[in-house]
Amino acid sequence: MRAAVAQLEPGDDLLQDASDTLERSGVVTGEFGFAELYQERLDRMRDWLKDGSEQVRTFAQEQIRNLERRVAGETRRAEASSAARRLDYAEDIVDSE
């Protein structure tokens, strides 16, 4: 994917296809499954920032911004879902230490 992105011109429709491909996922497990998946992809995408191609670095910066938002959103969603479930079962929401 990285080599293909390096060959594309800015604004090429194939860049959106590359982005869509990177966003696809298989099966994830656990409440934080998507957050963990996006974090893993974010960590890998940071290596693209060191690429010699300006096009790859620009693409990576855009993907990183999107992935950071997705990690944050999925983390909030999972935390809210967990808190709601604990309320449903009358469990403490704040962990006691």
C-alpha atoms as a PDB file:
ATOM      1  CA  MET A   1       0.000   0.000   0.000  1.00  0.00           C
ATOM      2  CA  ARG A   2       2.810   2.359   0.909  1.00  0.00           C
ATOM      3  CA  ALA A   3       4.527   1.876  -2.457  1.00  0.00           C
ATOM      4  CA  ALA A   4       1.256   2.522  -4.273  1.00  0.00           C
ATOM      5  CA  VAL A   5       0.608   5.720  -2.312  1.00  0.00           C
ATOM      6  CA  ALA A   6       4.097   6.947  -3.199  1.00  0.00           C
ATOM      7  CA  GLN A   7       3.247   6.700  -6.914  1.00  0.00           C
ATOM      8  CA  LEU A   8      -0.053   8.600  -6.754  1.00  0.00           C
ATOM      9  CA  GLU A   9      -0.550  12.292  -7.338  1.00  0.00           C
ATOM     10  CA  PRO A  10      -2.247  14.457  -4.683  1.00  0.00           C
ATOM     11  CA  GLY A  11      -6.001  14.350  -5.130  1.00  0.00           C
ATOM     12  CA  ASP A  12      -5.963  11.016  -6.979  1.00  0.00           C
ATOM     13  CA  ASP A  13      -9.146   9.035  -6.298  1.00  0.00           C
ATOM     14  CA  LEU A  14      -7.016   5.998  -5.546  1.00  0.00           C
ATOM     15  CA  LEU A  15      -5.781   7.729  -2.378  1.00  0.00           C
ATOM     16  CA  GLN A  16      -9.318   7.505  -1.015  1.00  0.00           C
ATOM     17  CA  ASP A  17      -9.398   3.831  -1.996  1.00  0.00           C
ATOM     18  CA  ALA A  18      -6.122   3.320  -0.116  1.00  0.00           C
ATOM     19  CA  SER A  19      -7.571   5.065   2.925  1.00  0.00           C
ATOM     20  CA  ASP A  20     -10.731   2.951   2.759  1.00  0.00           C
ATOM     21  CA  THR A  21      -8.654  -0.214   2.509  1.00  0.00           C
ATOM     22  CA  LEU A  22      -6.649   0.708   5.590  1.00  0.00           C
ATOM     23  CA  GLU A  23      -9.862   1.318   7.545  1.00  0.00           C
ATOM     24  CA  ARG A  24     -11.337  -2.107   6.872  1.00  0.00           C
ATOM     25  CA  SER A  25     -11.298  -4.595   9.687  1.00  0.00           C
ATOM     26  CA  GLY A  26     -12.098  -8.178  10.350  1.00  0.00           C
ATOM     27  CA  VAL A  27     -13.524  -9.447  13.589  1.00  0.00           C
ATOM     28  CA  VAL A  28     -12.566  -7.642  16.772  1.00  0.00           C
ATOM     29  CA  THR A  29     -13.261  -8.792  20.303  1.00  0.00           C
ATOM     30  CA  GLY A  30     -13.934  -7.054  23.566  1.00  0.00           C
ATOM     31  CA  GLU A  31     -15.395  -3.697  24.395  1.00  0.00           C
ATOM     32  CA  PHE A  32     -12.243  -1.903  23.358  1.00  0.00           C
ATOM     33  CA  GLY A  33     -11.609  -4.062  20.279  1.00  0.00           C
ATOM     34  CA  PHE A  34     -11.974  -1.278  17.731  1.00  0.00           C
ATOM     35  CA  ALA A  35     -10.030   1.199  19.869  1.00  0.00           C
ATOM     36  CA  GLU A  36      -7.186  -1.317  20.128  1.00  0.00           C
ATOM     37  CA  LEU A  37      -7.325  -2.062  16.395  1.00  0.00           C
ATOM     38  CA  TYR A  38      -7.168   1.629  15.488  1.00  0.00           C
ATOM     39  CA  GLN A  39      -4.346   2.209  17.981  1.00  0.00           C
ATOM     40  CA  GLU A  40      -2.341  -0.616  16.424  1.00  0.00           C
ATOM     41  CA  ARG A  41      -2.851   0.857  12.966  1.00  0.00           C
ATOM     42  CA  LEU A  42      -1.952   4.297  14.273  1.00  0.00           C
ATOM     43  CA  ASP A  43       1.314   2.964  15.676  1.00  0.00           C
ATOM     44  CA  ARG A  44       2.177   1.341  12.340  1.00  0.00           C
ATOM     45  CA  MET A  45       1.194   4.421  10.351  1.00  0.00           C
ATOM     46  CA  ARG A  46       3.669   6.572  12.312  1.00  0.00           C
ATOM     47  CA  ASP A  47       6.497   4.679  10.579  1.00  0.00           C
ATOM     48  CA  TRP A  48       5.211   6.077   7.276  1.00  0.00           C
ATOM     49  CA  LEU A  49       6.161   9.569   8.477  1.00  0.00           C
ATOM     50  CA  LYS A  50       9.824   8.601   7.949  1.00  0.00           C
ATOM     51  CA  ASP A  51       9.294   7.661   4.291  1.00  0.00           C
ATOM     52  CA  GLY A  52      11.295   9.486   1.634  1.00  0.00           C
ATOM     53  CA  SER A  53       8.161  10.258  -0.371  1.00  0.00           C
ATOM     54  CA  GLU A  54       6.365  13.494   0.467  1.00  0.00           C
ATOM     55  CA  GLN A  55       3.144  11.913  -0.834  1.00  0.00           C
ATOM     56  CA  VAL A  56       3.475   9.024   1.652  1.00  0.00           C
ATOM     57  CA  ARG A  57       4.195  11.393   4.546  1.00  0.00           C
ATOM     58  CA  THR A  58       1.204  13.593   3.663  1.00  0.00           C
ATOM     59  CA  PHE A  59      -1.054  10.558   3.366  1.00  0.00           C
ATOM     60  CA  ALA A  60       0.253   9.249   6.706  1.00  0.00           C
ATOM     61  CA  GLN A  61      -0.418  12.576   8.447  1.00  0.00           C
ATOM     62  CA  GLU A  62      -4.033  12.515   7.271  1.00  0.00           C
ATOM     63  CA  GLN A  63      -4.462   8.881   8.291  1.00  0.00           C
ATOM     64  CA  ILE A  64      -2.916   9.541  11.698  1.00  0.00           C
ATOM     65  CA  ARG A  65      -5.352  12.389  12.364  1.00  0.00           C
ATOM     66  CA  ASN A  66      -8.266  10.161  11.390  1.00  0.00           C
ATOM     67  CA  LEU A  67      -7.011   7.245  13.454  1.00  0.00           C
ATOM     68  CA  GLU A  68      -6.439   9.440  16.510  1.00  0.00           C
ATOM     69  CA  ARG A  69     -10.063  10.590  16.291  1.00  0.00           C
ATOM     70  CA  ARG A  70     -11.264   7.023  15.870  1.00  0.00           C
ATOM     71  CA  VAL A  71      -9.236   5.766  18.850  1.00  0.00           C
ATOM     72  CA  ALA A  72     -10.642   8.557  21.024  1.00  0.00           C
ATOM     73  CA  GLY A  73     -14.201   8.013  19.811  1.00  0.00           C
ATOM     74  CA  GLU A  74     -14.132   4.243  20.228  1.00  0.00           C
ATOM     75  CA  THR A  75     -12.534   4.560  23.664  1.00  0.00           C
ATOM     76  CA  ARG A  76     -15.276   6.975  24.786  1.00  0.00           C
ATOM     77  CA  ARG A  77     -17.951   4.715  23.325  1.00  0.00           C
ATOM     78  CA  ALA A  78     -16.571   1.618  25.063  1.00  0.00           C
ATOM     79  CA  GLU A  79     -16.193   3.443  28.392  1.00  0.00           C
ATOM     80  CA  ALA A  80     -19.754   4.776  28.189  1.00  0.00           C
ATOM     81  CA  SER A  81     -21.100   1.354  27.280  1.00  0.00           C
ATOM     82  CA  SER A  82     -19.240  -0.232  30.174  1.00  0.00           C
ATOM     83  CA  ALA A  83     -20.497   2.408  32.618  1.00  0.00           C
ATOM     84  CA  ALA A  84     -24.085   1.992  31.408  1.00  0.00           C
ATOM     85  CA  ARG A  85     -23.880  -1.767  31.804  1.00  0.00           C
ATOM     86  CA  ARG A  86     -22.489  -1.430  35.324  1.00  0.00           C
ATOM     87  CA  LEU A  87     -25.348   0.917  36.188  1.00  0.00           C
ATOM     88  CA  ASP A  88     -27.830  -1.601  34.796  1.00  0.00           C
ATOM     89  CA  TYR A  89     -26.391  -4.224  37.128  1.00  0.00           C
ATOM     90  CA  ALA A  90     -25.993  -1.840  40.084  1.00  0.00           C
ATOM     91  CA  GLU A  91     -22.214  -2.089  40.092  1.00  0.00           C
ATOM     92  CA  ASP A  92     -19.918   0.719  41.203  1.00  0.00           C
ATOM     93  CA  ILE A  93     -18.891   2.914  38.288  1.00  0.00           C
ATOM     94  CA  VAL A  94     -15.798   4.264  40.036  1.00  0.00           C
ATOM     95  CA  ASP A  95     -13.229   1.642  40.842  1.00  0.00           C
ATOM     96  CA  SER A  96     -12.555   1.635  44.559  1.00  0.00           C
ATOM     97  CA  GLU A  97      -8.941   1.250  45.642  1.00  0.00           C
END
